[in-house]
Amino acid sequence: MLEDVTDFGRKREFAVITGTYEGKRLTICSTGIGGPSAEIALVELAMLGARRVVRIGGMSALAADYNVGSFVAVDRAIGDTGTALTYRAAGGKAQASARITQSLMDAAASLDLVCRPGMVASTDSYYLGQDRRYHPLEGADYAHRNIIDAFQAKGAIGVEMESEIILTVGSAIGLETSSLLGVHGNRATDDWLDDYEATQRNLLRIAGRAFSSTEWELRSQP
């Protein structure tokens, strides 16, 4: 989807490329899964000169009115991640850049795609923390058994593993950040995507359009 691509290679879970999308230069970096890996990517991108970052990925919706295949521009995040806890102590806040979030919604509208703002919850746990119970734990009396209900009670419309980290770390180190998520499944309706490809490509189209269609000053601070 990019032109004039430079591939900077791969190390562990990280892959970095720079290319041109709709006439503007963009750098794309994989973050791996979860908080510590996302923190490494974000801090080292900042060291290399990044000033604005959008994390793209998937989420499970917790509210019935977020249809699979639609998109969420995260404006706030809550969660139980250790990485975000560390950066909250350094002044980080899990609040997205309002102008990046708006740019994502405007870009989606220009592509005739549905994208709404929302607050999501992030967890360090892929299995138990998201109520995916491996069979020895079925019926076990473990302390956090209502964690998804607790996220919903606090107003989270979805659950995933990185947004709280991206927003909190970014805030602490002076980046403008947001998170754009595709709804891969809806726990409230038990509706799930069988094929992610269209949603994944549209994530790239929305984020690319948001950055290519907005005039961003080169090295502004939040």
Protein backbone atom coordinates (compact mmCIF):
# COMPACT_ATOMS: atom_id res chain seq x y z
CA MET A 1 0.00 0.00 0.00
CA LEU A 2 3.06 2.30 0.21
CA GLU A 3 5.34 3.64 -2.50
CA ASP A 4 9.09 4.32 -2.37
CA VAL A 5 9.59 1.93 0.54
CA THR A 6 12.73 1.62 2.65
CA ASP A 7 12.82 -1.55 4.76
CA PHE A 8 14.97 -1.10 7.85
CA GLY A 9 14.81 -4.77 8.74
CA ARG A 10 13.54 -6.97 11.51
CA LYS A 11 14.81 -7.78 14.99
CA ARG A 12 12.82 -9.95 17.39
CA GLU A 13 9.16 -8.83 17.07
CA PHE A 14 10.01 -5.46 15.55
CA ALA A 15 9.87 -4.60 11.85
CA VAL A 16 10.30 -1.03 10.59
CA ILE A 17 9.63 0.45 7.16
CA THR A 18 9.26 3.96 5.80
CA GLY A 19 7.33 4.76 2.64
CA THR A 20 5.02 7.25 0.95
CA TYR A 21 1.23 7.12 1.30
CA GLU A 22 -0.89 9.61 -0.65
CA GLY A 23 2.19 11.78 -1.09
CA LYS A 24 3.31 11.88 2.55
CA ARG A 25 6.14 9.96 4.21
CA LEU A 26 5.12 7.53 6.95
CA THR A 27 7.05 5.14 9.15
CA ILE A 28 5.41 1.91 10.25
CA CYS A 29 6.74 -0.18 13.15
CA SER A 30 5.33 -3.39 14.56
CA THR A 31 5.05 -3.44 18.35
CA GLY A 32 4.67 -7.11 19.14
CA ILE A 33 2.10 -8.06 21.76
CA GLY A 34 1.42 -6.24 25.02
CA GLY A 35 2.92 -3.51 27.14
CA PRO A 36 6.69 -4.01 27.44
CA SER A 37 7.10 -4.62 23.72
CA ALA A 38 4.95 -1.61 22.80
CA GLU A 39 6.95 0.57 25.22
CA ILE A 40 10.22 -0.39 23.56
CA ALA A 41 8.89 0.50 20.11
CA LEU A 42 7.40 3.80 21.25
CA VAL A 43 10.40 5.05 23.22
CA GLU A 44 12.91 4.12 20.52
CA LEU A 45 10.76 5.71 17.79
CA ALA A 46 10.73 8.89 19.90
CA MET A 47 14.53 8.68 20.18
CA LEU A 48 14.65 8.56 16.37
CA GLY A 49 12.53 11.72 16.05
CA ALA A 50 8.91 10.54 16.04
CA ARG A 51 6.43 13.13 17.32
CA ARG A 52 3.04 11.57 16.47
CA VAL A 53 2.11 7.91 16.70
CA VAL A 54 -1.10 5.99 16.00
CA ARG A 55 -1.27 2.40 17.13
CA ILE A 56 -3.46 0.25 14.87
CA GLY A 57 -4.81 -3.16 15.78
CA GLY A 58 -7.83 -5.16 16.84
CA MET A 59 -10.13 -5.29 19.84
CA SER A 60 -13.09 -7.20 21.23
CA ALA A 61 -16.10 -4.91 21.70
CA LEU A 62 -17.90 -5.02 25.04
CA ALA A 63 -20.88 -2.92 23.89
CA ALA A 64 -23.54 -4.35 21.59
CA ASP A 65 -23.69 -1.32 19.27
CA TYR A 66 -20.07 -1.62 18.06
CA ASN A 67 -20.44 -3.83 14.99
CA VAL A 68 -17.70 -6.17 13.84
CA GLY A 69 -15.70 -4.63 11.03
CA SER A 70 -16.25 -1.09 12.33
CA PHE A 71 -13.53 1.09 13.86
CA VAL A 72 -12.82 2.91 17.12
CA ALA A 73 -10.62 5.98 17.51
CA VAL A 74 -9.53 5.63 21.13
CA ASP A 75 -9.78 8.87 23.07
CA ARG A 76 -9.08 7.40 26.54
CA ALA A 77 -7.92 4.13 28.01
CA ILE A 78 -8.12 2.34 31.33
CA GLY A 79 -6.64 -0.98 32.35
CA ASP A 80 -4.44 -3.04 34.58
CA THR A 81 -1.13 -2.98 32.71
CA GLY A 82 2.12 -2.81 34.61
CA THR A 83 3.85 -0.67 31.99
CA ALA A 84 1.18 2.03 32.16
CA LEU A 85 1.37 1.95 35.98
CA THR A 86 5.09 2.65 35.78
CA TYR A 87 4.60 5.60 33.43
CA ARG A 88 1.68 7.03 35.40
CA ALA A 89 4.15 7.48 38.23
CA ALA A 90 6.21 9.57 35.78
CA GLY A 91 3.23 11.78 34.92
CA GLY A 92 1.77 9.89 31.97
CA LYS A 93 -1.97 10.02 31.31
CA ALA A 94 -4.00 7.59 29.20
CA GLN A 95 -5.53 10.38 27.15
CA ALA A 96 -5.24 10.52 23.36
CA SER A 97 -4.37 13.56 21.29
CA ALA A 98 -7.74 15.15 20.46
CA ARG A 99 -6.58 16.34 17.05
CA ILE A 100 -5.19 12.96 16.02
CA THR A 101 -8.36 11.24 17.18
CA GLN A 102 -10.48 13.70 15.18
CA SER A 103 -8.23 13.27 12.15
CA LEU A 104 -8.79 9.51 12.31
CA MET A 105 -12.57 9.92 12.38
CA ASP A 106 -12.45 12.46 9.54
CA ALA A 107 -10.26 10.13 7.49
CA ALA A 108 -12.63 7.21 8.04
CA ALA A 109 -15.60 9.34 6.97
CA SER A 110 -13.77 10.35 3.78
CA LEU A 111 -13.36 6.63 3.01
CA ASP A 112 -17.04 5.85 3.82
CA LEU A 113 -16.01 3.79 6.85
CA VAL A 114 -17.62 3.87 10.30
CA CYS A 115 -15.27 5.08 13.04
CA ARG A 116 -16.43 6.26 16.45
CA PRO A 117 -14.55 7.57 19.49
CA GLY A 118 -14.46 5.47 22.62
CA MET A 119 -12.65 4.44 25.78
CA VAL A 120 -11.07 0.99 25.80
CA ALA A 121 -9.51 -1.19 28.48
CA SER A 122 -6.05 -2.74 28.14
CA THR A 123 -4.77 -5.81 29.94
CA ASP A 124 -1.41 -7.56 30.14
CA SER A 125 -3.11 -10.95 29.91
CA TYR A 126 -4.23 -12.52 26.63
CA TYR A 127 -5.96 -15.51 28.22
CA LEU A 128 -7.20 -15.25 31.79
CA GLY A 129 -7.26 -11.44 31.83
CA GLN A 130 -9.62 -11.46 28.84
CA ASP A 131 -11.72 -14.32 30.23
CA ARG A 132 -10.23 -16.92 27.88
CA ARG A 133 -10.07 -19.70 30.44
CA TYR A 134 -7.73 -22.61 29.87
CA HIS A 135 -9.54 -25.71 31.09
CA PRO A 136 -7.77 -26.25 34.46
CA LEU A 137 -9.17 -22.87 35.53
CA GLU A 138 -12.77 -23.54 34.56
CA GLY A 139 -14.83 -23.00 37.66
CA ALA A 140 -11.82 -21.93 39.73
CA ASP A 141 -12.36 -19.29 42.39
CA TYR A 142 -9.75 -16.77 41.22
CA ALA A 143 -9.74 -13.20 42.45
CA HIS A 144 -10.26 -11.33 39.17
CA ARG A 145 -13.02 -13.52 37.73
CA ASN A 146 -15.19 -10.48 36.90
CA ILE A 147 -12.46 -8.40 35.24
CA ILE A 148 -14.36 -7.93 31.96
CA ASP A 149 -17.47 -6.90 33.89
CA ALA A 150 -15.33 -4.44 35.85
CA PHE A 151 -14.00 -2.90 32.63
CA GLN A 152 -17.56 -2.55 31.32
CA ALA A 153 -18.72 -1.00 34.58
CA LYS A 154 -16.06 1.69 34.18
CA GLY A 155 -17.33 2.53 30.70
CA ALA A 156 -14.91 0.62 28.48
CA ILE A 157 -16.45 -0.25 25.12
CA GLY A 158 -13.71 -2.73 24.20
CA VAL A 159 -10.73 -4.69 25.47
CA GLU A 160 -7.26 -5.17 23.99
CA MET A 161 -3.62 -5.09 25.12
CA GLU A 162 -1.76 -1.95 24.01
CA SER A 163 -3.77 1.30 23.99
CA GLU A 164 -3.27 2.18 27.66
CA ILE A 165 0.48 1.80 27.13
CA ILE A 166 0.61 3.84 23.93
CA LEU A 167 -1.32 6.75 25.43
CA THR A 168 0.36 6.73 28.86
CA VAL A 169 3.94 6.25 27.68
CA GLY A 170 3.41 8.76 24.87
CA SER A 171 2.06 11.34 27.31
CA ALA A 172 5.01 10.87 29.65
CA ILE A 173 7.68 11.25 26.95
CA GLY A 174 6.07 14.10 24.97
CA LEU A 175 4.46 12.31 22.02
CA GLU A 176 1.02 12.93 20.54
CA THR A 177 -0.68 9.55 20.34
CA SER A 178 -3.93 7.86 19.59
CA SER A 179 -5.06 4.32 18.89
CA LEU A 180 -7.19 3.10 15.99
CA LEU A 181 -8.82 -0.28 16.51
CA GLY A 182 -10.83 -2.57 14.28
CA VAL A 183 -13.64 -4.49 15.94
CA HIS A 184 -12.66 -8.13 15.38
CA GLY A 185 -15.34 -9.50 17.68
CA ASN A 186 -18.20 -8.41 19.90
CA ARG A 187 -18.54 -10.20 23.23
CA ALA A 188 -21.94 -8.68 23.92
CA THR A 189 -23.48 -10.10 20.74
CA ASP A 190 -21.12 -13.08 20.26
CA ASP A 191 -20.44 -11.90 16.70
CA TRP A 192 -16.95 -12.51 15.30
CA LEU A 193 -15.09 -11.76 12.07
CA ASP A 194 -14.03 -14.83 10.12
CA ASP A 195 -11.76 -12.87 7.76
CA TYR A 196 -9.67 -9.99 9.14
CA GLU A 197 -7.98 -8.88 5.91
CA ALA A 198 -10.42 -6.14 4.83
CA THR A 199 -10.52 -4.68 8.33
CA GLN A 200 -6.73 -4.75 8.64
CA ARG A 201 -6.23 -3.01 5.29
CA ASN A 202 -8.82 -0.38 6.20
CA LEU A 203 -6.97 0.33 9.44
CA LEU A 204 -3.94 1.20 7.32
CA ARG A 205 -6.04 3.30 4.93
CA ILE A 206 -7.62 5.32 7.75
CA ALA A 207 -4.36 5.96 9.60
CA GLY A 208 -2.55 6.77 6.36
CA ARG A 209 -5.26 9.19 5.27
CA ALA A 210 -5.32 10.86 8.70
CA PHE A 211 -1.64 11.69 8.43
CA SER A 212 -1.56 12.44 4.71
CA SER A 213 -4.59 14.75 4.62
CA THR A 214 -3.74 16.89 7.67
CA GLU A 215 -1.10 19.60 7.72
CA TRP A 216 1.07 18.71 10.71
CA GLU A 217 3.87 21.06 11.69
CA LEU A 218 7.15 19.20 11.54
CA ARG A 219 8.29 19.05 15.16
CA SER A 220 5.45 20.44 17.29
CA GLN A 221 4.97 19.39 20.89
CA PRO A 222 1.58 18.26 22.28
